[in-house]
Amino acid sequence: MGKNKAKNAPEKLKGAEGFEKYYSELFADRWEGLKKSLFFETVYAELNCGGSEKYYLDPASVFAAMTLPLDGAESVLDLCAAPGGKTLVLASRMSDDTVLVSNERSPVRKNRLSQVCQNCLPEDIKGRIKISCSDGAKWCKTQSEVYDRILLDAPCSSERHVLADEKYLSEWSPNRIKTLAMEQWALLSSAWRLLKKDGYLLYSTCALCPAENDDVVSRLFKKFDDAELCFTDSIPEIDLQSAVFCKMNVIPKPERTQNGFHILPDQKEKCGPIWFTLLHKKS
């Protein structure tokens, strides 16, 4: 009985071999090309936001951040903001009377965020940015419905970096994904409680697996009946005419998933990976 039970037990995935099996099953015939593309030299957009230094960011990240509508927003929150690229995109697009709170829980990464804002933004915008250092998953315990717009670029598996590091690859297992998905849910559910009614929340990761993307958002719909998807009938587009702070040589092409969009580097634009979705909190 014991032997048969062990024989029929699910195969435990671990290390490089487990990683390969997990993602090849996830992406099927596409996986080999996608895996190779994760080693491509990163494509960058140039951000010139009016400070003393320029900043270089993946066009896919610029695209995602620009889908968060800022018109009419008085208070904006970037909940997991370091190293600061998406904060720069938000700061460059917000109105003159908008205040942006840019938060990072790691003191070291928060210092990097502060440096990016200090060097890359003009004085008038820096005066309307508040940089904080705390765990965003706990904010909802002391605040609720205080921000008009929220960007949550959550910590994730970042498979590109796992593949590039033999130590991380040898230690990989599906438990890593489960742990991160739990962390992402804690952040997303907290952010949702911080969002005002009729507000918008952009959720994004650089993960490939649905467990950290579509599935986390599906959980939001089960928990909160005031959550709804934007872009249900169309692919999001960005207005480059309004993005005078940004020089992009390529325009990423999002691919629809269950609850959002993927931009993957095996496409001709070679941007990403990033997954994102825009959510609306119904009144």
Protein backbone atom coordinates (compact mmCIF):
# COMPACT_ATOMS: atom_id res chain seq x y z
CA MET A 1 0.00 0.00 0.00
CA GLY A 2 2.78 2.39 1.00
CA LYS A 3 4.73 1.67 -2.18
CA ASN A 4 1.71 2.17 -4.43
CA LYS A 5 0.81 5.37 -2.66
CA ALA A 6 4.33 6.71 -3.15
CA LYS A 7 4.33 5.61 -6.77
CA ASN A 8 1.08 7.44 -7.50
CA ALA A 9 2.02 10.61 -5.61
CA PRO A 10 2.49 13.79 -7.69
CA GLU A 11 6.02 14.35 -8.88
CA LYS A 12 7.85 16.94 -6.78
CA LEU A 13 9.31 19.68 -8.91
CA LYS A 14 12.56 21.24 -7.77
CA GLY A 15 15.65 22.95 -9.11
CA ALA A 16 16.49 23.53 -12.75
CA GLU A 17 14.76 20.34 -13.92
CA GLY A 18 11.59 21.16 -12.00
CA PHE A 19 11.63 24.76 -13.25
CA GLU A 20 11.93 23.54 -16.85
CA LYS A 21 9.08 21.04 -16.48
CA TYR A 22 6.77 23.55 -14.76
CA TYR A 23 7.15 26.30 -17.36
CA SER A 24 7.28 24.02 -20.40
CA GLU A 25 3.91 22.62 -19.34
CA LEU A 26 2.63 26.14 -18.79
CA PHE A 27 3.70 27.56 -22.17
CA ALA A 28 3.89 24.36 -24.26
CA ASP A 29 5.53 24.89 -27.67
CA ARG A 30 6.14 28.54 -26.90
CA TRP A 31 8.40 27.90 -23.93
CA GLU A 32 11.73 27.32 -25.72
CA GLY A 33 11.51 30.59 -27.61
CA LEU A 34 10.25 32.47 -24.57
CA LYS A 35 13.02 31.08 -22.38
CA LYS A 36 15.67 32.16 -24.89
CA SER A 37 14.15 35.64 -25.04
CA LEU A 38 14.63 36.05 -21.28
CA PHE A 39 18.37 36.17 -21.97
CA PHE A 40 18.06 38.89 -24.63
CA GLU A 41 19.63 42.24 -23.91
CA THR A 42 16.97 44.38 -22.26
CA VAL A 43 15.30 47.06 -24.37
CA TYR A 44 15.03 50.45 -22.67
CA ALA A 45 12.92 53.58 -22.95
CA GLU A 46 14.60 56.84 -21.98
CA LEU A 47 12.83 58.89 -19.32
CA ASN A 48 13.76 62.57 -19.15
CA CYS A 49 11.51 63.89 -16.40
CA GLY A 50 13.15 67.29 -15.89
CA GLY A 51 15.75 66.40 -13.28
CA SER A 52 19.54 66.32 -13.51
CA GLU A 53 19.63 62.67 -14.66
CA LYS A 54 17.80 60.47 -17.15
CA TYR A 55 16.32 57.10 -16.22
CA TYR A 56 16.08 53.97 -18.37
CA LEU A 57 13.11 51.64 -18.02
CA ASP A 58 11.69 48.69 -19.96
CA PRO A 59 9.05 50.02 -22.40
CA ALA A 60 6.67 47.35 -21.11
CA SER A 61 6.83 48.90 -17.64
CA VAL A 62 6.26 52.36 -19.09
CA PHE A 63 3.28 51.05 -21.06
CA ALA A 64 1.70 49.42 -18.00
CA ALA A 65 2.16 52.48 -15.78
CA MET A 66 0.66 54.74 -18.42
CA THR A 67 -2.60 52.78 -18.48
CA LEU A 68 -3.43 54.06 -14.98
CA PRO A 69 -5.70 57.09 -15.58
CA LEU A 70 -4.64 60.10 -13.52
CA ASP A 71 -7.14 62.76 -14.62
CA GLY A 72 -9.01 64.09 -11.61
CA ALA A 73 -6.80 62.26 -9.11
CA GLU A 74 -5.74 64.29 -6.08
CA SER A 75 -3.98 61.45 -4.24
CA VAL A 76 -1.91 58.69 -5.86
CA LEU A 77 -0.09 55.79 -4.20
CA ASP A 78 2.78 53.70 -5.57
CA LEU A 79 2.72 50.94 -2.96
CA CYS A 80 5.86 48.94 -3.86
CA ALA A 81 7.79 51.66 -5.62
CA ALA A 82 11.53 50.86 -5.66
CA PRO A 83 13.68 51.29 -7.61
CA GLY A 84 11.49 54.13 -8.86
CA GLY A 85 10.89 53.89 -12.60
CA LYS A 86 7.10 53.66 -12.37
CA THR A 87 7.03 56.45 -9.78
CA LEU A 88 8.75 58.65 -12.37
CA VAL A 89 6.10 57.78 -14.95
CA LEU A 90 3.30 58.64 -12.51
CA ALA A 91 5.01 61.82 -11.31
CA SER A 92 5.51 63.04 -14.86
CA ARG A 93 1.85 62.53 -15.78
CA MET A 94 0.03 63.75 -12.66
CA SER A 95 -1.68 67.14 -12.38
CA ASP A 96 -0.12 70.11 -10.64
CA ASP A 97 -2.36 69.66 -7.59
CA THR A 98 -1.79 65.91 -7.20
CA VAL A 99 0.19 64.39 -4.33
CA LEU A 100 2.03 61.09 -4.88
CA VAL A 101 2.95 58.79 -2.01
CA SER A 102 5.77 56.47 -3.05
CA ASN A 103 6.33 53.60 -0.61
CA GLU A 104 8.93 50.85 -0.28
CA ARG A 105 9.21 48.41 2.62
CA SER A 106 12.96 47.74 2.30
CA PRO A 107 15.12 50.53 3.81
CA VAL A 108 17.92 49.85 1.31
CA ARG A 109 15.57 49.93 -1.67
CA LYS A 110 13.77 52.97 -0.21
CA ASN A 111 17.10 54.83 -0.25
CA ARG A 112 17.51 53.93 -3.92
CA LEU A 113 13.97 55.17 -4.59
CA SER A 114 14.73 58.47 -2.83
CA GLN A 115 17.89 58.90 -4.88
CA VAL A 116 16.07 58.27 -8.17
CA CYS A 117 13.37 60.83 -7.31
CA GLN A 118 15.97 63.35 -6.14
CA ASN A 119 18.08 63.04 -9.30
CA CYS A 120 15.45 62.55 -11.97
CA LEU A 121 12.63 64.95 -11.05
CA PRO A 122 12.40 68.76 -11.03
CA GLU A 123 11.92 70.66 -7.77
CA ASP A 124 8.23 71.47 -8.28
CA ILE A 125 7.33 67.78 -8.66
CA LYS A 126 9.62 66.57 -5.86
CA GLY A 127 7.74 68.85 -3.50
CA ARG A 128 4.55 66.84 -4.12
CA ILE A 129 6.06 63.40 -3.56
CA LYS A 130 6.10 61.78 -0.13
CA ILE A 131 8.45 58.81 0.20
CA SER A 132 7.72 56.28 2.94
CA CYS A 133 9.19 53.00 4.16
CA SER A 134 6.71 50.46 5.50
CA ASP A 135 4.91 47.20 4.73
CA GLY A 136 2.05 48.03 2.37
CA ALA A 137 0.20 44.86 3.33
CA LYS A 138 -0.46 46.36 6.79
CA TRP A 139 -1.58 49.85 5.74
CA CYS A 140 -5.23 48.84 5.58
CA LYS A 141 -5.20 48.24 9.35
CA THR A 142 -4.99 51.97 10.01
CA GLN A 143 -6.39 53.54 6.82
CA SER A 144 -9.18 52.93 4.32
CA GLU A 145 -10.38 54.56 1.09
CA VAL A 146 -7.82 57.39 1.04
CA TYR A 147 -6.29 57.22 -2.47
CA ASP A 148 -7.86 58.03 -5.84
CA ARG A 149 -5.33 55.92 -7.77
CA ILE A 150 -2.98 53.11 -6.73
CA LEU A 151 -0.17 51.37 -8.58
CA LEU A 152 0.86 48.02 -7.12
CA ASP A 153 3.87 46.48 -8.84
CA ALA A 154 4.08 43.48 -6.54
CA PRO A 155 7.16 41.40 -5.62
CA CYS A 156 7.13 38.29 -7.80
CA SER A 157 9.00 35.23 -9.07
CA SER A 158 10.90 37.22 -11.70
CA GLU A 159 11.76 34.11 -13.70
CA ARG A 160 14.28 36.03 -15.80
CA HIS A 161 16.43 36.57 -12.70
CA VAL A 162 15.94 32.99 -11.50
CA LEU A 163 17.26 31.66 -14.81
CA ALA A 164 20.24 33.98 -14.66
CA ASP A 165 21.33 32.84 -11.18
CA GLU A 166 22.43 29.22 -10.68
CA LYS A 167 21.87 29.42 -6.92
CA TYR A 168 18.27 30.64 -7.24
CA LEU A 169 17.58 28.14 -10.02
CA SER A 170 18.91 25.20 -7.98
CA GLU A 171 16.68 26.22 -5.04
CA TRP A 172 13.52 26.82 -7.12
CA SER A 173 10.30 24.98 -6.34
CA PRO A 174 6.55 25.67 -6.81
CA ASN A 175 6.50 26.64 -3.13
CA ARG A 176 8.26 29.85 -4.16
CA ILE A 177 5.28 30.71 -6.34
CA LYS A 178 2.77 29.83 -3.61
CA THR A 179 4.59 31.98 -1.05
CA LEU A 180 4.79 34.94 -3.40
CA ALA A 181 1.13 34.59 -4.41
CA MET A 182 0.17 34.80 -0.73
CA GLU A 183 2.28 37.93 -0.35
CA GLN A 184 0.77 39.43 -3.50
CA TRP A 185 -2.74 38.76 -2.21
CA ALA A 186 -1.93 40.46 1.10
CA LEU A 187 -0.71 43.52 -0.78
CA LEU A 188 -3.56 43.59 -3.30
CA SER A 189 -6.30 43.17 -0.69
CA SER A 190 -4.70 45.91 1.41
CA ALA A 191 -4.40 48.21 -1.61
CA TRP A 192 -8.05 47.60 -2.49
CA ARG A 193 -9.13 48.74 0.98
CA LEU A 194 -6.96 51.85 0.59
CA LEU A 195 -8.58 52.75 -2.73
CA LYS A 196 -11.44 55.26 -2.76
CA LYS A 197 -14.76 54.37 -4.35
CA ASP A 198 -14.73 55.05 -8.10
CA GLY A 199 -10.91 54.82 -7.96
CA TYR A 200 -8.55 52.85 -10.19
CA LEU A 201 -5.86 50.34 -9.25
CA LEU A 202 -3.14 49.05 -11.56
CA TYR A 203 -1.75 45.66 -10.50
CA SER A 204 1.38 44.36 -12.20
CA THR A 205 4.20 41.84 -11.83
CA CYS A 206 7.07 40.64 -14.01
CA ALA A 207 6.06 37.01 -13.35
CA LEU A 208 5.17 34.55 -16.09
CA CYS A 209 2.85 32.24 -14.17
CA PRO A 210 -0.93 32.84 -13.81
CA ALA A 211 -0.75 31.92 -10.11
CA GLU A 212 0.85 35.32 -9.46
CA ASN A 213 -1.23 37.25 -11.97
CA ASP A 214 -4.68 36.18 -13.15
CA ASP A 215 -5.31 33.96 -10.13
CA VAL A 216 -4.53 36.71 -7.59
CA VAL A 217 -6.98 39.04 -9.35
CA SER A 218 -9.61 36.28 -9.50
CA ARG A 219 -9.32 36.04 -5.74
CA LEU A 220 -10.02 39.78 -5.51
CA PHE A 221 -13.27 39.33 -7.43
CA LYS A 222 -14.35 36.57 -5.06
CA LYS A 223 -13.61 38.70 -1.98
CA PHE A 224 -14.85 42.12 -3.11
CA ASP A 225 -18.06 42.62 -5.09
CA ASP A 226 -17.13 46.22 -5.94
CA ALA A 227 -14.16 45.19 -8.14
CA GLU A 228 -14.41 45.20 -11.92
CA LEU A 229 -12.01 44.87 -14.84
CA CYS A 230 -11.28 47.68 -17.25
CA PHE A 231 -10.37 46.98 -20.90
CA THR A 232 -12.74 44.04 -21.11
CA ASP A 233 -13.54 44.69 -24.79
CA SER A 234 -10.28 46.16 -26.05
CA ILE A 235 -6.51 46.11 -25.83
CA PRO A 236 -5.19 49.13 -23.91
CA GLU A 237 -3.45 51.85 -25.90
CA ILE A 238 -1.19 54.65 -24.67
CA ASP A 239 -1.03 58.24 -25.85
CA LEU A 240 2.60 58.87 -26.74
CA GLN A 241 1.77 62.48 -27.60
CA SER A 242 1.18 63.12 -23.90
CA ALA A 243 4.35 61.31 -22.88
CA VAL A 244 6.77 64.12 -23.67
CA PHE A 245 9.01 62.90 -20.83
CA CYS A 246 9.57 59.54 -22.51
CA LYS A 247 11.44 58.44 -25.62
CA MET A 248 10.28 55.00 -26.75
CA ASN A 249 11.71 53.41 -29.88
CA VAL A 250 9.25 50.49 -29.73
CA ILE A 251 5.62 50.20 -28.66
CA PRO A 252 4.88 46.93 -26.81
CA LYS A 253 1.99 44.75 -27.93
CA PRO A 254 0.00 43.38 -24.95
CA GLU A 255 -1.52 39.89 -25.17
CA ARG A 256 -4.81 39.28 -23.41
CA THR A 257 -5.02 36.79 -20.54
CA GLN A 258 -7.97 35.85 -18.34
CA ASN A 259 -7.87 38.99 -16.17
CA GLY A 260 -5.28 41.21 -17.79
CA PHE A 261 -2.46 41.46 -20.28
CA HIS A 262 1.02 40.03 -20.77
CA ILE A 263 3.87 41.72 -22.60
CA LEU A 264 6.48 39.06 -23.35
CA PRO A 265 9.98 39.43 -24.85
CA ASP A 266 9.67 36.64 -27.42
CA GLN A 267 7.58 39.02 -29.54
CA LYS A 268 9.32 41.24 -32.08
CA GLU A 269 9.38 44.26 -29.75
CA LYS A 270 11.44 42.22 -27.21
CA CYS A 271 9.91 44.08 -24.24
CA GLY A 272 8.98 42.67 -20.84
CA PRO A 273 8.07 40.39 -19.32
CA ILE A 274 5.32 42.23 -17.47
CA TRP A 275 1.75 41.31 -16.62
CA PHE A 276 -0.74 44.04 -15.73
CA THR A 277 -4.40 44.77 -15.27
CA LEU A 278 -6.45 47.87 -14.53
CA LEU A 279 -9.20 47.54 -11.92
CA HIS A 280 -12.06 49.90 -11.07
CA LYS A 281 -13.69 50.18 -7.64
CA LYS A 282 -17.39 50.65 -8.24
CA SER A 283 -19.24 53.33 -6.29
